[in-house]
Amino acid sequence: METAEDDQRRKAFRSLVRLLAVHETAEEEVVHPEIRDLEPAARPVVEARLGEERVDA
C-alpha cells in the first residue's frame, strides 16, 4: 500500500480490510472457543487478548 497510488491504493486497502475481517471472524468463532474448551485456565488469556482488541488505539 505504501508504494501504490490512487485506485491501486484503494483496492489494496479494501483487500486488506476484507482479509482482516475474515481473520477476526475466524478467530472469534473458532480459535477463542476452542482455546476456552481445551483448558479452563486459558480463559483469562483469551479474555485479556479480547480486551486488548477492544481498546481504541
Protein backbone atom coordinates (compact mmCIF):
# COMPACT_ATOMS: atom_id res chain seq x y z
CA MET A 1 0.00 0.00 0.00
CA GLU A 2 2.83 2.38 0.73
CA THR A 3 4.00 2.45 -2.88
CA ALA A 4 0.57 2.18 -4.53
CA GLU A 5 -1.18 5.25 -5.85
CA ASP A 6 -4.81 6.34 -6.05
CA ASP A 7 -7.06 3.49 -7.29
CA GLN A 8 -4.43 0.81 -6.63
CA ARG A 9 -4.08 2.04 -3.07
CA ARG A 10 -7.85 1.97 -2.55
CA LYS A 11 -8.04 -1.57 -3.95
CA ALA A 12 -5.19 -2.73 -1.74
CA PHE A 13 -6.80 -1.14 1.30
CA ARG A 14 -10.20 -2.77 0.60
CA SER A 15 -8.47 -6.12 0.15
CA LEU A 16 -6.66 -5.68 3.45
CA VAL A 17 -9.91 -4.80 5.23
CA ARG A 18 -11.60 -7.94 3.83
CA LEU A 19 -8.71 -10.15 4.90
CA LEU A 20 -8.69 -8.68 8.40
CA ALA A 21 -12.45 -9.14 8.71
CA VAL A 22 -12.16 -12.81 7.73
CA HIS A 23 -9.27 -13.29 10.15
CA GLU A 24 -11.12 -11.67 13.04
CA THR A 25 -14.29 -13.66 12.38
CA ALA A 26 -12.41 -16.95 12.27
CA GLU A 27 -10.53 -16.07 15.42
CA GLU A 28 -13.70 -15.17 17.31
CA GLU A 29 -15.79 -18.09 16.05
CA VAL A 30 -13.20 -20.87 16.02
CA VAL A 31 -9.98 -20.11 17.85
CA HIS A 32 -11.23 -18.46 21.03
CA PRO A 33 -13.95 -21.05 21.78
CA GLU A 34 -11.53 -23.90 21.09
CA ILE A 35 -8.95 -22.47 23.46
CA ARG A 36 -11.57 -21.98 26.15
CA ASP A 37 -12.77 -25.58 25.71
CA LEU A 38 -9.29 -27.10 25.77
CA GLU A 39 -8.10 -25.59 29.01
CA PRO A 40 -10.18 -23.70 31.55
CA ALA A 41 -7.02 -21.91 32.68
CA ALA A 42 -6.76 -20.41 29.17
CA ARG A 43 -9.93 -18.36 29.60
CA PRO A 44 -8.17 -15.39 31.28
CA VAL A 45 -5.61 -15.30 28.48
CA VAL A 46 -8.30 -15.27 25.80
CA GLU A 47 -10.28 -12.62 27.67
CA ALA A 48 -7.15 -10.48 28.06
CA ARG A 49 -6.44 -10.70 24.31
CA LEU A 50 -10.05 -9.80 23.54
CA GLY A 51 -9.74 -6.85 25.89
CA GLU A 52 -6.66 -5.65 24.02
CA GLU A 53 -8.59 -5.80 20.76
CA ARG A 54 -11.38 -3.67 22.19
CA VAL A 55 -9.07 -0.87 23.32
CA ASP A 56 -9.09 2.11 20.98
CA ALA A 57 -5.69 2.91 19.59
